[in-house]
Amino acid sequence: MSVMMVGHLGELALSSTAIAISLSVARGVSNELGAGNPQKARLAVYAVVSLAVTEAIAVSTTLFASRHVFGYIFSDDEEVVDYVTNMAPLLCGLVMRLVV
């Protein structure tokens, strides 16, 4: 139910979705461990880690590929666009470092 209600939160939707997924996985893993199924719990953890790595790769690749036009979201000033273009690879590395 909490995942379905995330759409009504506006700007908080992304962080709320991550929290909801984390809580769902934690509950699922603890249920499987409590039921004596460590292999199913391991599979659930592998699935979530794979999803997180795939999402990080997609976000980093998209940001890196659009780094020359991404700055225009913030300003039309060429100096701002150049700063964003220069900082985008650092942000891509940070996203990948946080996940991997």
PDB file of N, CA and C in Angstrom:
ATOM      1  N   MET A   1       0.813  -1.187   0.000  1.00  0.00           N
ATOM      2  CA  MET A   1       0.000   0.000   0.000  1.00  0.00           C
ATOM      3  C   MET A   1       0.862   1.259   0.000  1.00  0.00           C
ATOM      4  N   SER A   2       1.985   1.232   0.718  1.00  0.00           N
ATOM      5  CA  SER A   2       2.828   2.423   0.782  1.00  0.00           C
ATOM      6  C   SER A   2       3.429   2.759  -0.573  1.00  0.00           C
ATOM      7  N   VAL A   3       3.727   1.743  -1.384  1.00  0.00           N
ATOM      8  CA  VAL A   3       4.291   2.010  -2.702  1.00  0.00           C
ATOM      9  C   VAL A   3       3.247   2.657  -3.594  1.00  0.00           C
ATOM     10  N   MET A   4       1.986   2.272  -3.473  1.00  0.00           N
ATOM     11  CA  MET A   4       0.930   2.844  -4.299  1.00  0.00           C
ATOM     12  C   MET A   4       0.651   4.291  -3.921  1.00  0.00           C
ATOM     13  N   MET A   5       0.827   4.670  -2.672  1.00  0.00           N
ATOM     14  CA  MET A   5       0.538   6.018  -2.215  1.00  0.00           C
ATOM     15  C   MET A   5       1.652   7.004  -2.550  1.00  0.00           C
ATOM     16  N   VAL A   6       2.776   6.528  -3.017  1.00  0.00           N
ATOM     17  CA  VAL A   6       3.914   7.393  -3.307  1.00  0.00           C
ATOM     18  C   VAL A   6       3.580   8.401  -4.394  1.00  0.00           C
ATOM     19  N   GLY A   7       2.718   8.064  -5.325  1.00  0.00           N
ATOM     20  CA  GLY A   7       2.356   8.965  -6.403  1.00  0.00           C
ATOM     21  C   GLY A   7       1.700  10.248  -5.941  1.00  0.00           C
ATOM     22  N   HIS A   8       1.154  10.272  -4.751  1.00  0.00           N
ATOM     23  CA  HIS A   8       0.470  11.446  -4.239  1.00  0.00           C
ATOM     24  C   HIS A   8       1.390  12.378  -3.443  1.00  0.00           C
ATOM     25  N   LEU A   9       2.667  12.055  -3.342  1.00  0.00           N
ATOM     26  CA  LEU A   9       3.572  12.820  -2.499  1.00  0.00           C
ATOM     27  C   LEU A   9       4.296  13.941  -3.224  1.00  0.00           C
ATOM     28  N   GLY A  10       4.224  14.005  -4.535  1.00  0.00           N
ATOM     29  CA  GLY A  10       4.892  15.069  -5.268  1.00  0.00           C
ATOM     30  C   GLY A  10       6.396  14.895  -5.284  1.00  0.00           C
ATOM     31  N   GLU A  11       7.137  15.873  -4.748  1.00  0.00           N
ATOM     32  CA  GLU A  11       8.596  15.858  -4.806  1.00  0.00           C
ATOM     33  C   GLU A  11       9.221  14.777  -3.937  1.00  0.00           C
ATOM     34  N   LEU A  12       8.503  14.286  -2.961  1.00  0.00           N
ATOM     35  CA  LEU A  12       9.046  13.258  -2.077  1.00  0.00           C
ATOM     36  C   LEU A  12       8.935  11.861  -2.659  1.00  0.00           C
ATOM     37  N   ALA A  13       8.404  11.738  -3.855  1.00  0.00           N
ATOM     38  CA  ALA A  13       8.110  10.425  -4.427  1.00  0.00           C
ATOM     39  C   ALA A  13       9.357   9.564  -4.585  1.00  0.00           C
ATOM     40  N   LEU A  14      10.454  10.127  -5.057  1.00  0.00           N
ATOM     41  CA  LEU A  14      11.643   9.322  -5.308  1.00  0.00           C
ATOM     42  C   LEU A  14      12.212   8.753  -4.024  1.00  0.00           C
ATOM     43  N   SER A  15      12.384   9.565  -3.006  1.00  0.00           N
ATOM     44  CA  SER A  15      12.940   9.069  -1.755  1.00  0.00           C
ATOM     45  C   SER A  15      11.965   8.118  -1.067  1.00  0.00           C
ATOM     46  N   SER A  16      10.691   8.383  -1.176  1.00  0.00           N
ATOM     47  CA  SER A  16       9.698   7.506  -0.559  1.00  0.00           C
ATOM     48  C   SER A  16       9.663   6.153  -1.252  1.00  0.00           C
ATOM     49  N   THR A  17       9.854   6.147  -2.560  1.00  0.00           N
ATOM     50  CA  THR A  17       9.886   4.884  -3.290  1.00  0.00           C
ATOM     51  C   THR A  17      11.084   4.053  -2.848  1.00  0.00           C
ATOM     52  N   ALA A  18      12.230   4.681  -2.695  1.00  0.00           N
ATOM     53  CA  ALA A  18      13.420   3.952  -2.248  1.00  0.00           C
ATOM     54  C   ALA A  18      13.217   3.389  -0.848  1.00  0.00           C
ATOM     55  N   ILE A  19      12.608   4.160   0.030  1.00  0.00           N
ATOM     56  CA  ILE A  19      12.344   3.681   1.386  1.00  0.00           C
ATOM     57  C   ILE A  19      11.354   2.532   1.361  1.00  0.00           C
ATOM     58  N   ALA A  20      10.300   2.649   0.546  1.00  0.00           N
ATOM     59  CA  ALA A  20       9.296   1.593   0.464  1.00  0.00           C
ATOM     60  C   ALA A  20       9.894   0.297  -0.063  1.00  0.00           C
ATOM     61  N   ILE A  21      10.755   0.402  -1.075  1.00  0.00           N
ATOM     62  CA  ILE A  21      11.401  -0.800  -1.612  1.00  0.00           C
ATOM     63  C   ILE A  21      12.319  -1.416  -0.564  1.00  0.00           C
ATOM     64  N   SER A  22      13.068  -0.594   0.137  1.00  0.00           N
ATOM     65  CA  SER A  22      13.974  -1.100   1.170  1.00  0.00           C
ATOM     66  C   SER A  22      13.208  -1.817   2.279  1.00  0.00           C
ATOM     67  N   LEU A  23      12.110  -1.221   2.709  1.00  0.00           N
ATOM     68  CA  LEU A  23      11.309  -1.849   3.759  1.00  0.00           C
ATOM     69  C   LEU A  23      10.678  -3.153   3.279  1.00  0.00           C
ATOM     70  N   SER A  24      10.229  -3.173   2.043  1.00  0.00           N
ATOM     71  CA  SER A  24       9.628  -4.394   1.500  1.00  0.00           C
ATOM     72  C   SER A  24      10.642  -5.523   1.418  1.00  0.00           C
ATOM     73  N   VAL A  25      11.845  -5.194   0.977  1.00  0.00           N
ATOM     74  CA  VAL A  25      12.888  -6.211   0.876  1.00  0.00           C
ATOM     75  C   VAL A  25      13.298  -6.698   2.256  1.00  0.00           C
ATOM     76  N   ALA A  26      13.445  -5.776   3.197  1.00  0.00           N
ATOM     77  CA  ALA A  26      13.825  -6.177   4.553  1.00  0.00           C
ATOM     78  C   ALA A  26      12.779  -7.104   5.157  1.00  0.00           C
ATOM     79  N   ARG A  27      11.508  -6.778   4.939  1.00  0.00           N
ATOM     80  CA  ARG A  27      10.450  -7.636   5.464  1.00  0.00           C
ATOM     81  C   ARG A  27      10.457  -9.000   4.781  1.00  0.00           C
ATOM     82  N   GLY A  28      10.628  -9.010   3.465  1.00  0.00           N
ATOM     83  CA  GLY A  28      10.655 -10.278   2.734  1.00  0.00           C
ATOM     84  C   GLY A  28      11.824 -11.158   3.140  1.00  0.00           C
ATOM     85  N   VAL A  29      12.992 -10.550   3.296  1.00  0.00           N
ATOM     86  CA  VAL A  29      14.177 -11.315   3.694  1.00  0.00           C
ATOM     87  C   VAL A  29      13.996 -11.857   5.108  1.00  0.00           C
ATOM     88  N   SER A  30      13.491 -11.034   6.010  1.00  0.00           N
ATOM     89  CA  SER A  30      13.309 -11.514   7.385  1.00  0.00           C
ATOM     90  C   SER A  30      12.249 -12.604   7.455  1.00  0.00           C
ATOM     91  N   ASN A  31      11.207 -12.500   6.635  1.00  0.00           N
ATOM     92  CA  ASN A  31      10.197 -13.565   6.607  1.00  0.00           C
ATOM     93  C   ASN A  31      10.784 -14.880   6.112  1.00  0.00           C
ATOM     94  N   GLU A  32      11.587 -14.802   5.060  1.00  0.00           N
ATOM     95  CA  GLU A  32      12.194 -16.027   4.524  1.00  0.00           C
ATOM     96  C   GLU A  32      13.199 -16.625   5.501  1.00  0.00           C
ATOM     97  N   LEU A  33      13.972 -15.787   6.154  1.00  0.00           N
ATOM     98  CA  LEU A  33      14.919 -16.305   7.148  1.00  0.00           C
ATOM     99  C   LEU A  33      14.178 -16.919   8.331  1.00  0.00           C
ATOM    100  N   GLY A  34      13.088 -16.283   8.746  1.00  0.00           N
ATOM    101  CA  GLY A  34      12.290 -16.817   9.846  1.00  0.00           C
ATOM    102  C   GLY A  34      11.621 -18.126   9.488  1.00  0.00           C
ATOM    103  N   ALA A  35      11.296 -18.306   8.214  1.00  0.00           N
ATOM    104  CA  ALA A  35      10.668 -19.545   7.756  1.00  0.00           C
ATOM    105  C   ALA A  35      11.695 -20.636   7.486  1.00  0.00           C
ATOM    106  N   GLY A  36      12.971 -20.309   7.654  1.00  0.00           N
ATOM    107  CA  GLY A  36      14.018 -21.302   7.434  1.00  0.00           C
ATOM    108  C   GLY A  36      14.384 -21.487   5.974  1.00  0.00           C
ATOM    109  N   ASN A  37      14.234 -20.438   5.170  1.00  0.00           N
ATOM    110  CA  ASN A  37      14.559 -20.498   3.739  1.00  0.00           C
ATOM    111  C   ASN A  37      15.684 -19.513   3.404  1.00  0.00           C
ATOM    112  N   PRO A  38      16.911 -19.824   3.786  1.00  0.00           N
ATOM    113  CA  PRO A  38      17.996 -18.860   3.517  1.00  0.00           C
ATOM    114  C   PRO A  38      18.285 -18.682   2.033  1.00  0.00           C
ATOM    115  N   GLN A  39      18.013 -19.688   1.212  1.00  0.00           N
ATOM    116  CA  GLN A  39      18.274 -19.556  -0.221  1.00  0.00           C
ATOM    117  C   GLN A  39      17.320 -18.542  -0.867  1.00  0.00           C
ATOM    118  N   LYS A  40      16.061 -18.545  -0.441  1.00  0.00           N
ATOM    119  CA  LYS A  40      15.103 -17.569  -0.968  1.00  0.00           C
ATOM    120  C   LYS A  40      15.449 -16.160  -0.493  1.00  0.00           C
ATOM    121  N   ALA A  41      15.921 -16.047   0.742  1.00  0.00           N
ATOM    122  CA  ALA A  41      16.340 -14.742   1.249  1.00  0.00           C
ATOM    123  C   ALA A  41      17.541 -14.225   0.459  1.00  0.00           C
ATOM    124  N   ARG A  42      18.482 -15.098   0.166  1.00  0.00           N
ATOM    125  CA  ARG A  42      19.655 -14.722  -0.624  1.00  0.00           C
ATOM    126  C   ARG A  42      19.242 -14.283  -2.026  1.00  0.00           C
ATOM    127  N   LEU A  43      18.291 -15.002  -2.618  1.00  0.00           N
ATOM    128  CA  LEU A  43      17.807 -14.645  -3.948  1.00  0.00           C
ATOM    129  C   LEU A  43      17.154 -13.261  -3.943  1.00  0.00           C
ATOM    130  N   ALA A  44      16.396 -12.950  -2.899  1.00  0.00           N
ATOM    131  CA  ALA A  44      15.764 -11.633  -2.793  1.00  0.00           C
ATOM    132  C   ALA A  44      16.817 -10.529  -2.684  1.00  0.00           C
ATOM    133  N   VAL A  45      17.853 -10.765  -1.919  1.00  0.00           N
ATOM    134  CA  VAL A  45      18.926  -9.776  -1.782  1.00  0.00           C
ATOM    135  C   VAL A  45      19.656  -9.597  -3.104  1.00  0.00           C
ATOM    136  N   TYR A  46      19.950 -10.689  -3.798  1.00  0.00           N
ATOM    137  CA  TYR A  46      20.607 -10.585  -5.099  1.00  0.00           C
ATOM    138  C   TYR A  46      19.749  -9.807  -6.093  1.00  0.00           C
ATOM    139  N   ALA A  47      18.443 -10.027  -6.062  1.00  0.00           N
ATOM    140  CA  ALA A  47      17.550  -9.330  -6.983  1.00  0.00           C
ATOM    141  C   ALA A  47      17.565  -7.827  -6.720  1.00  0.00           C
ATOM    142  N   VAL A  48      17.528  -7.427  -5.466  1.00  0.00           N
ATOM    143  CA  VAL A  48      17.514  -6.006  -5.131  1.00  0.00           C
ATOM    144  C   VAL A  48      18.853  -5.347  -5.449  1.00  0.00           C
ATOM    145  N   VAL A  49      19.931  -6.013  -5.168  1.00  0.00           N
ATOM    146  CA  VAL A  49      21.247  -5.459  -5.482  1.00  0.00           C
ATOM    147  C   VAL A  49      21.406  -5.327  -6.996  1.00  0.00           C
ATOM    148  N   SER A  50      20.948  -6.319  -7.734  1.00  0.00           N
ATOM    149  CA  SER A  50      21.013  -6.241  -9.197  1.00  0.00           C
ATOM    150  C   SER A  50      20.185  -5.075  -9.717  1.00  0.00           C
ATOM    151  N   LEU A  51      19.003  -4.875  -9.140  1.00  0.00           N
ATOM    152  CA  LEU A  51      18.160  -3.754  -9.540  1.00  0.00           C
ATOM    153  C   LEU A  51      18.838  -2.419  -9.238  1.00  0.00           C
ATOM    154  N   ALA A  52      19.459  -2.301  -8.080  1.00  0.00           N
ATOM    155  CA  ALA A  52      20.132  -1.055  -7.705  1.00  0.00           C
ATOM    156  C   ALA A  52      21.315  -0.762  -8.621  1.00  0.00           C
ATOM    157  N   VAL A  53      22.105  -1.769  -8.937  1.00  0.00           N
ATOM    158  CA  VAL A  53      23.255  -1.569  -9.822  1.00  0.00           C
ATOM    159  C   VAL A  53      22.792  -1.209 -11.229  1.00  0.00           C
ATOM    160  N   THR A  54      21.753  -1.885 -11.708  1.00  0.00           N
ATOM    161  CA  THR A  54      21.223  -1.582 -13.040  1.00  0.00           C
ATOM    162  C   THR A  54      20.691  -0.159 -13.104  1.00  0.00           C
ATOM    163  N   GLU A  55      19.989   0.270 -12.067  1.00  0.00           N
ATOM    164  CA  GLU A  55      19.462   1.630 -12.029  1.00  0.00           C
ATOM    165  C   GLU A  55      20.589   2.660 -11.976  1.00  0.00           C
ATOM    166  N   ALA A  56      21.625   2.393 -11.197  1.00  0.00           N
ATOM    167  CA  ALA A  56      22.760   3.316 -11.114  1.00  0.00           C
ATOM    168  C   ALA A  56      23.474   3.429 -12.456  1.00  0.00           C
ATOM    169  N   ILE A  57      23.629   2.317 -13.145  1.00  0.00           N
ATOM    170  CA  ILE A  57      24.269   2.345 -14.460  1.00  0.00           C
ATOM    171  C   ILE A  57      23.422   3.144 -15.445  1.00  0.00           C
ATOM    172  N   ALA A  58      22.106   2.945 -15.402  1.00  0.00           N
ATOM    173  CA  ALA A  58      21.223   3.674 -16.316  1.00  0.00           C
ATOM    174  C   ALA A  58      21.252   5.170 -16.044  1.00  0.00           C
ATOM    175  N   VAL A  59      21.201   5.559 -14.781  1.00  0.00           N
ATOM    176  CA  VAL A  59      21.216   6.985 -14.427  1.00  0.00           C
ATOM    177  C   VAL A  59      22.560   7.607 -14.802  1.00  0.00           C
ATOM    178  N   SER A  60      23.653   6.934 -14.468  1.00  0.00           N
ATOM    179  CA  SER A  60      24.981   7.474 -14.782  1.00  0.00           C
ATOM    180  C   SER A  60      25.203   7.589 -16.285  1.00  0.00           C
ATOM    181  N   THR A  61      24.785   6.586 -17.025  1.00  0.00           N
ATOM    182  CA  THR A  61      24.957   6.619 -18.476  1.00  0.00           C
ATOM    183  C   THR A  61      24.138   7.737 -19.102  1.00  0.00           C
ATOM    184  N   THR A  62      22.900   7.889 -18.650  1.00  0.00           N
ATOM    185  CA  THR A  62      22.046   8.949 -19.183  1.00  0.00           C
ATOM    186  C   THR A  62      22.610  10.325 -18.861  1.00  0.00           C
ATOM    187  N   LEU A  63      23.045  10.515 -17.629  1.00  0.00           N
ATOM    188  CA  LEU A  63      23.615  11.799 -17.233  1.00  0.00           C
ATOM    189  C   LEU A  63      24.896  12.095 -18.007  1.00  0.00           C
ATOM    190  N   PHE A  64      25.747  11.096 -18.150  1.00  0.00           N
ATOM    191  CA  PHE A  64      27.007  11.313 -18.866  1.00  0.00           C
ATOM    192  C   PHE A  64      26.760  11.601 -20.348  1.00  0.00           C
ATOM    193  N   ALA A  65      25.797  10.904 -20.943  1.00  0.00           N
ATOM    194  CA  ALA A  65      25.516  11.111 -22.364  1.00  0.00           C
ATOM    195  C   ALA A  65      24.884  12.475 -22.633  1.00  0.00           C
ATOM    196  N   SER A  66      24.149  12.999 -21.657  1.00  0.00           N
ATOM    197  CA  SER A  66      23.482  14.288 -21.857  1.00  0.00           C
ATOM    198  C   SER A  66      24.164  15.426 -21.111  1.00  0.00           C
ATOM    199  N   ARG A  67      25.423  15.255 -20.753  1.00  0.00           N
ATOM    200  CA  ARG A  67      26.104  16.257 -19.929  1.00  0.00           C
ATOM    201  C   ARG A  67      26.250  17.604 -20.628  1.00  0.00           C
ATOM    202  N   HIS A  68      26.276  17.630 -21.948  1.00  0.00           N
ATOM    203  CA  HIS A  68      26.437  18.901 -22.660  1.00  0.00           C
ATOM    204  C   HIS A  68      25.141  19.697 -22.747  1.00  0.00           C
ATOM    205  N   VAL A  69      24.004  19.055 -22.589  1.00  0.00           N
ATOM    206  CA  VAL A  69      22.721  19.762 -22.636  1.00  0.00           C
ATOM    207  C   VAL A  69      22.042  19.802 -21.274  1.00  0.00           C
ATOM    208  N   PHE A  70      22.536  19.060 -20.319  1.00  0.00           N
ATOM    209  CA  PHE A  70      21.926  18.981 -18.988  1.00  0.00           C
ATOM    210  C   PHE A  70      21.960  20.319 -18.260  1.00  0.00           C
ATOM    211  N   GLY A  71      22.969  21.117 -18.500  1.00  0.00           N
ATOM    212  CA  GLY A  71      23.100  22.409 -17.843  1.00  0.00           C
ATOM    213  C   GLY A  71      22.033  23.407 -18.235  1.00  0.00           C
ATOM    214  N   TYR A  72      21.440  23.226 -19.402  1.00  0.00           N
ATOM    215  CA  TYR A  72      20.394  24.152 -19.847  1.00  0.00           C
ATOM    216  C   TYR A  72      19.110  24.008 -19.038  1.00  0.00           C
ATOM    217  N   ILE A  73      19.000  22.951 -18.255  1.00  0.00           N
ATOM    218  CA  ILE A  73      17.862  22.820 -17.342  1.00  0.00           C
ATOM    219  C   ILE A  73      17.937  23.910 -16.281  1.00  0.00           C
ATOM    220  N   PHE A  74      19.152  24.265 -15.884  1.00  0.00           N
ATOM    221  CA  PHE A  74      19.356  25.211 -14.792  1.00  0.00           C
ATOM    222  C   PHE A  74      19.464  26.654 -15.249  1.00  0.00           C
ATOM    223  N   SER A  75      20.069  26.886 -16.419  1.00  0.00           N
ATOM    224  CA  SER A  75      20.312  28.260 -16.852  1.00  0.00           C
ATOM    225  C   SER A  75      20.658  28.280 -18.334  1.00  0.00           C
ATOM    226  N   ASP A  76      20.469  29.447 -18.935  1.00  0.00           N
ATOM    227  CA  ASP A  76      20.900  29.651 -20.319  1.00  0.00           C
ATOM    228  C   ASP A  76      22.298  30.241 -20.396  1.00  0.00           C
ATOM    229  N   ASP A  77      22.871  30.590 -19.269  1.00  0.00           N
ATOM    230  CA  ASP A  77      24.208  31.161 -19.207  1.00  0.00           C
ATOM    231  C   ASP A  77      25.236  30.095 -19.558  1.00  0.00           C
ATOM    232  N   GLU A  78      26.092  30.398 -20.512  1.00  0.00           N
ATOM    233  CA  GLU A  78      27.085  29.427 -20.977  1.00  0.00           C
ATOM    234  C   GLU A  78      28.060  29.017 -19.873  1.00  0.00           C
ATOM    235  N   GLU A  79      28.363  29.926 -18.970  1.00  0.00           N
ATOM    236  CA  GLU A  79      29.282  29.597 -17.881  1.00  0.00           C
ATOM    237  C   GLU A  79      28.678  28.526 -16.962  1.00  0.00           C
ATOM    238  N   VAL A  80      27.403  28.667 -16.655  1.00  0.00           N
ATOM    239  CA  VAL A  80      26.720  27.671 -15.827  1.00  0.00           C
ATOM    240  C   VAL A  80      26.676  26.332 -16.553  1.00  0.00           C
ATOM    241  N   VAL A  81      26.367  26.367 -17.835  1.00  0.00           N
ATOM    242  CA  VAL A  81      26.307  25.137 -18.630  1.00  0.00           C
ATOM    243  C   VAL A  81      27.671  24.456 -18.652  1.00  0.00           C
ATOM    244  N   ASP A  82      28.739  25.226 -18.785  1.00  0.00           N
ATOM    245  CA  ASP A  82      30.092  24.655 -18.777  1.00  0.00           C
ATOM    246  C   ASP A  82      30.432  24.033 -17.428  1.00  0.00           C
ATOM    247  N   TYR A  83      30.040  24.689 -16.342  1.00  0.00           N
ATOM    248  CA  TYR A  83      30.282  24.116 -15.011  1.00  0.00           C
ATOM    249  C   TYR A  83      29.537  22.800 -14.827  1.00  0.00           C
ATOM    250  N   VAL A  84      28.292  22.771 -15.244  1.00  0.00           N
ATOM    251  CA  VAL A  84      27.509  21.536 -15.131  1.00  0.00           C
ATOM    252  C   VAL A  84      28.111  20.447 -16.011  1.00  0.00           C
ATOM    253  N   THR A  85      28.560  20.813 -17.199  1.00  0.00           N
ATOM    254  CA  THR A  85      29.201  19.842 -18.092  1.00  0.00           C
ATOM    255  C   THR A  85      30.462  19.272 -17.456  1.00  0.00           C
ATOM    256  N   ASN A  86      31.227  20.109 -16.784  1.00  0.00           N
ATOM    257  CA  ASN A  86      32.459  19.642 -16.137  1.00  0.00           C
ATOM    258  C   ASN A  86      32.188  18.818 -14.889  1.00  0.00           C
ATOM    259  N   MET A  87      31.088  19.108 -14.207  1.00  0.00           N
ATOM    260  CA  MET A  87      30.787  18.389 -12.965  1.00  0.00           C
ATOM    261  C   MET A  87      30.009  17.097 -13.189  1.00  0.00           C
ATOM    262  N   ALA A  88      29.408  16.911 -14.334  1.00  0.00           N
ATOM    263  CA  ALA A  88      28.590  15.725 -14.602  1.00  0.00           C
ATOM    264  C   ALA A  88      29.375  14.418 -14.453  1.00  0.00           C
ATOM    265  N   PRO A  89      30.609  14.301 -14.975  1.00  0.00           N
ATOM    266  CA  PRO A  89      31.343  13.045 -14.760  1.00  0.00           C
ATOM    267  C   PRO A  89      31.606  12.763 -13.273  1.00  0.00           C
ATOM    268  N   LEU A  90      31.818  13.808 -12.485  1.00  0.00           N
ATOM    269  CA  LEU A  90      32.002  13.602 -11.043  1.00  0.00           C
ATOM    270  C   LEU A  90      30.732  13.070 -10.405  1.00  0.00           C
ATOM    271  N   LEU A  91      29.602  13.606 -10.816  1.00  0.00           N
ATOM    272  CA  LEU A  91      28.324  13.139 -10.300  1.00  0.00           C
ATOM    273  C   LEU A  91      28.054  11.697 -10.723  1.00  0.00           C
ATOM    274  N   CYS A  92      28.396  11.361 -11.957  1.00  0.00           N
ATOM    275  CA  CYS A  92      28.230   9.978 -12.426  1.00  0.00           C
ATOM    276  C   CYS A  92      29.078   9.027 -11.585  1.00  0.00           C
ATOM    277  N   GLY A  93      30.304   9.422 -11.305  1.00  0.00           N
ATOM    278  CA  GLY A  93      31.167   8.599 -10.467  1.00  0.00           C
ATOM    279  C   GLY A  93      30.637   8.463  -9.047  1.00  0.00           C
ATOM    280  N   LEU A  94      30.070   9.540  -8.522  1.00  0.00           N
ATOM    281  CA  LEU A  94      29.494   9.491  -7.184  1.00  0.00           C
ATOM    282  C   LEU A  94      28.299   8.550  -7.125  1.00  0.00           C
ATOM    283  N   VAL A  95      27.441   8.604  -8.133  1.00  0.00           N
ATOM    284  CA  VAL A  95      26.281   7.709  -8.178  1.00  0.00           C
ATOM    285  C   VAL A  95      26.739   6.257  -8.212  1.00  0.00           C
ATOM    286  N   MET A  96      27.715   5.964  -9.030  1.00  0.00           N
ATOM    287  CA  MET A  96      28.210   4.587  -9.119  1.00  0.00           C
ATOM    288  C   MET A  96      28.910   4.159  -7.831  1.00  0.00           C
ATOM    289  N   ARG A  97      29.624   5.071  -7.210  1.00  0.00           N
ATOM    290  CA  ARG A  97      30.348   4.739  -5.973  1.00  0.00           C
ATOM    291  C   ARG A  97      29.380   4.465  -4.821  1.00  0.00           C
ATOM    292  N   LEU A  98      28.265   5.180  -4.780  1.00  0.00           N
ATOM    293  CA  LEU A  98      27.299   4.975  -3.709  1.00  0.00           C
ATOM    294  C   LEU A  98      26.624   3.614  -3.812  1.00  0.00           C
ATOM    295  N   VAL A  99      26.495   3.089  -5.009  1.00  0.00           N
ATOM    296  CA  VAL A  99      25.800   1.818  -5.192  1.00  0.00           C
ATOM    297  C   VAL A  99      26.762   0.642  -5.163  1.00  0.00           C
ATOM    298  N   VAL A 100      27.878   0.784  -5.817  1.00  0.00           N
ATOM    299  CA  VAL A 100      28.809  -0.349  -5.933  1.00  0.00           C
ATOM    300  C   VAL A 100      29.825  -0.338  -4.870  1.00  0.00           C
TER     301      VAL A 100
END
